[in-house]
Each structure stands twice: as structure tokens, then as C-alpha cells.
């Protein structure tokens, strides 16, 4: 069960554009830091900083495969209802839609490469 303090912490972490954009992407599929950087067109240190905050609150999970670390949403966490609510009700925001199109383009480029 989530406490009021935990809810406040999650909402505080989620109250940042880049973290919301990352959550939206990870709601579509598992991604590496470099993929997130390419799609959102932001630096690796910036993405890593945001992923650390999300991971500390157990919003995202990571797994290492060789030299790569893959991130995905942690929908088994206590915060999963908040994340599902965001994805369901706000996935059609213009910025999120642009990010999704960039994700599709990134995947096409990666599959050719």
C-alpha cells in the first residue's frame, strides 16, 4: 500500500517533462539509454540522471544484456496505477505523439543499420 509520503515523492518525480516523456516511451517498449537519447534528442548524462530518479522510486526496472542496459516500466510497483493512468489518459498529448513517431523512425533506422 502506498503512503501519502510515497505518493508525494512519485508525483514530484513525475512532475518533470523529460521524465514523463521517458515513461511514455517505456510504455511502448523496452529501450536502452542510447535509444532514449536518440529519440528524445537529449544527452546521455541527462537521460541517465532521469532514469536514476525513476529507478530509485521503482518506476522503471533495468536489465543488463552484454554491454547494454535495457529499461522498462515497472508495472508491478506500488506506483503502477499512477503510471497506467498517465499512459492511458495522456498518451495522445502532442509531445508524446511526436516522441512515438521518433521512436518508430529510430526503430526503422536501427533495423536497417
Protein backbone atom coordinates (compact mmCIF):
# COMPACT_ATOMS: atom_id res chain seq x y z
CA UNK A 1 0.00 0.00 0.00
CA UNK A 2 1.28 3.46 -0.91
CA UNK A 3 1.64 6.06 1.81
CA UNK A 4 0.91 9.74 1.32
CA UNK A 5 4.65 10.43 1.52
CA UNK A 6 5.38 7.87 -1.23
CA UNK A 7 2.62 9.30 -3.41
CA UNK A 8 4.04 12.79 -2.98
CA UNK A 9 7.54 11.56 -3.90
CA UNK A 10 6.28 9.83 -7.05
CA UNK A 11 4.24 12.84 -8.14
CA UNK A 12 7.23 15.09 -7.53
CA UNK A 13 9.47 12.89 -9.69
CA UNK A 14 6.83 12.66 -12.40
CA UNK A 15 6.34 16.44 -12.43
CA UNK A 16 9.14 16.88 -14.97
CA UNK A 17 8.70 16.88 -18.75
CA UNK A 18 11.64 14.67 -19.66
CA UNK A 19 10.75 12.00 -17.12
CA UNK A 20 7.17 11.95 -18.41
CA UNK A 21 8.48 11.60 -21.96
CA UNK A 22 10.72 8.71 -20.89
CA UNK A 23 7.80 6.98 -19.17
CA UNK A 24 5.70 7.41 -22.28
CA UNK A 25 8.41 5.78 -24.44
CA UNK A 26 8.97 2.95 -21.98
CA UNK A 27 5.21 2.40 -22.00
CA UNK A 28 5.64 1.40 -25.65
CA UNK A 29 8.72 -0.82 -25.33
CA UNK A 30 11.94 -1.57 -23.52
CA UNK A 31 14.79 0.78 -24.52
CA UNK A 32 18.47 1.43 -23.91
CA UNK A 33 19.81 4.76 -22.70
CA UNK A 34 21.32 5.44 -26.12
CA UNK A 35 17.97 4.78 -27.82
CA UNK A 36 16.20 7.15 -25.43
CA UNK A 37 18.89 9.77 -26.12
CA UNK A 38 18.44 9.43 -29.89
CA UNK A 39 14.65 9.55 -29.75
CA UNK A 40 14.35 12.48 -27.34
CA UNK A 41 17.44 14.23 -28.73
CA UNK A 42 18.97 14.81 -25.32
CA UNK A 43 22.35 13.93 -23.86
CA UNK A 44 23.27 10.63 -22.23
CA UNK A 45 24.07 12.23 -18.83
CA UNK A 46 20.65 13.90 -18.80
CA UNK A 47 18.80 10.67 -19.64
CA UNK A 48 20.84 8.72 -17.09
CA UNK A 49 20.09 11.28 -14.38
CA UNK A 50 16.35 10.99 -15.03
CA UNK A 51 16.47 7.18 -15.15
CA UNK A 52 18.24 7.10 -11.78
CA UNK A 53 15.41 9.11 -10.22
CA UNK A 54 12.79 6.85 -11.81
CA UNK A 55 14.65 3.71 -10.77
CA UNK A 56 15.05 4.85 -7.16
CA UNK A 57 11.27 5.12 -6.88
CA UNK A 58 10.89 1.76 -8.65
CA UNK A 59 9.00 3.33 -11.55
CA UNK A 60 11.41 1.67 -14.00
CA UNK A 61 13.42 -1.55 -13.99
CA UNK A 62 16.66 -2.27 -15.74
CA UNK A 63 18.41 -5.37 -17.01
CA UNK A 64 21.89 -5.81 -18.37
CA UNK A 65 22.41 -7.73 -21.60
CA UNK A 66 26.08 -7.76 -22.52
CA UNK A 67 27.24 -4.15 -22.68
CA UNK A 68 23.72 -2.75 -22.83
CA UNK A 69 21.29 -1.82 -20.08
CA UNK A 70 17.63 -2.04 -21.06
CA UNK A 71 14.98 -0.06 -19.21
CA UNK A 72 11.28 -0.83 -18.94
CA UNK A 73 8.39 0.32 -16.79
CA UNK A 74 7.97 -1.49 -13.50
CA UNK A 75 4.26 -2.15 -13.64
CA UNK A 76 4.44 -4.41 -10.60
CA UNK A 77 5.41 -1.49 -8.37
CA UNK A 78 3.09 0.30 -5.97
CA UNK A 79 3.15 3.25 -8.38
CA UNK A 80 1.77 1.25 -11.32
CA UNK A 81 -1.71 2.75 -11.08
CA UNK A 82 -0.31 6.26 -11.46
CA UNK A 83 1.83 5.23 -14.44
CA UNK A 84 -1.05 3.39 -16.13
CA UNK A 85 -3.28 6.42 -15.58
CA UNK A 86 -0.73 8.71 -17.24
CA UNK A 87 -0.23 6.40 -20.20
CA UNK A 88 -3.93 5.78 -20.72
CA UNK A 89 -5.16 9.34 -20.33
CA UNK A 90 -2.30 11.42 -21.67
CA UNK A 91 -0.66 9.29 -24.36
CA UNK A 92 -2.31 11.44 -27.00
CA UNK A 93 -0.52 14.64 -25.97
CA UNK A 94 1.19 16.24 -28.95
CA UNK A 95 4.69 15.93 -27.45
CA UNK A 96 4.16 12.25 -26.62
CA UNK A 97 2.88 11.60 -30.14
CA UNK A 98 5.99 13.27 -31.62
CA UNK A 99 8.18 11.12 -29.38
CA UNK A 100 6.34 8.00 -30.52
CA UNK A 101 6.92 8.93 -34.17
CA UNK A 102 10.60 9.45 -33.37
CA UNK A 103 10.63 6.00 -31.74
CA UNK A 104 9.20 4.41 -34.88
CA UNK A 105 11.77 6.21 -37.05
CA UNK A 106 14.56 5.17 -34.68
CA UNK A 107 13.47 1.52 -34.92
CA UNK A 108 13.35 1.65 -38.72
CA UNK A 109 16.82 3.22 -38.82
CA UNK A 110 18.19 0.66 -36.34
CA UNK A 111 16.77 -2.29 -38.25
CA UNK A 112 18.46 -1.11 -41.46
CA UNK A 113 21.75 -0.37 -39.81
